[in-house]
Amino acid sequence: MSTQEHTVTHIHRDDIGARMGMWLFLFTELLLFGGMFILYSIYRYTYPDAFHLAAKDLNTIIGTFNTAILLTSSLTMALSIAAIQRDRKSLSIFLQFITILLALGFMVNKYFEWSAKFSHGIYPGSEVLLAKPSGEIVFYGLYYVMTGLHGLHVIIGMVLIAIMMRFTYKGIIKADSYVKLETVGLYWHLVDIIWIFLFPLFYLIT
């Protein structure tokens, strides 16, 4: 009996450690993007007219659609955790799969958006971009770095959720052991929150 109690306590401590580890990791991510947001604010204050002009060339419809996609994916991710807590394994796997599909949709939209810019010669180091005023060059530099880094986080999230799907299918993640899925869910929510800040900064400049 004492051995069983010791085992339960050990698992409980592992769960707490996993959650704390993820929160610490998310904090470092916030520092990373927070620094970029501060840099963006400084340059936007320096080049307000150029930022406003450059933002007009971004596709607000795609940006809005991608925002809706990521908000929906946060919902499906949260519902997948709620489903496994209720021991509804198949539903949880399905919702995780939908989350991956939504993330893929986001990346496809981002691909077409970037492709349109590249086709017009607007990309880092291009002659077309370098011929523009300094403020617009800075705007697009920040745009590609910040949205590109965010896109990388989306891809990582897709891989992690796919791994969680496999774990759920194999019974590693279940009603009484779902901390792995929960921590990946926290990561995914952060990815969505970062986009909620990126969207108005680049697409809704007034």
Foldseek 3Di string as FASTA:
>chain_A
DVVVVVVVVVVVVVLVVLQVVLVVVLVVVCVVVVVLVVVLVVLCVVPVPLLVVLLVPADLVLLVVLLVLLVVLLVLLVVLLVCQLVFNLVSSLVSLVSSLVSLVVSVVSVVVRVVVCVVVQNDPPGPVLVVDDPSNVVNRVSVCVLVVVLNVLSVVLSVQSVVVSVCSVVVVDGNVRHSSSVSSSVSSVSSSVSSVVVSCSRNVRD
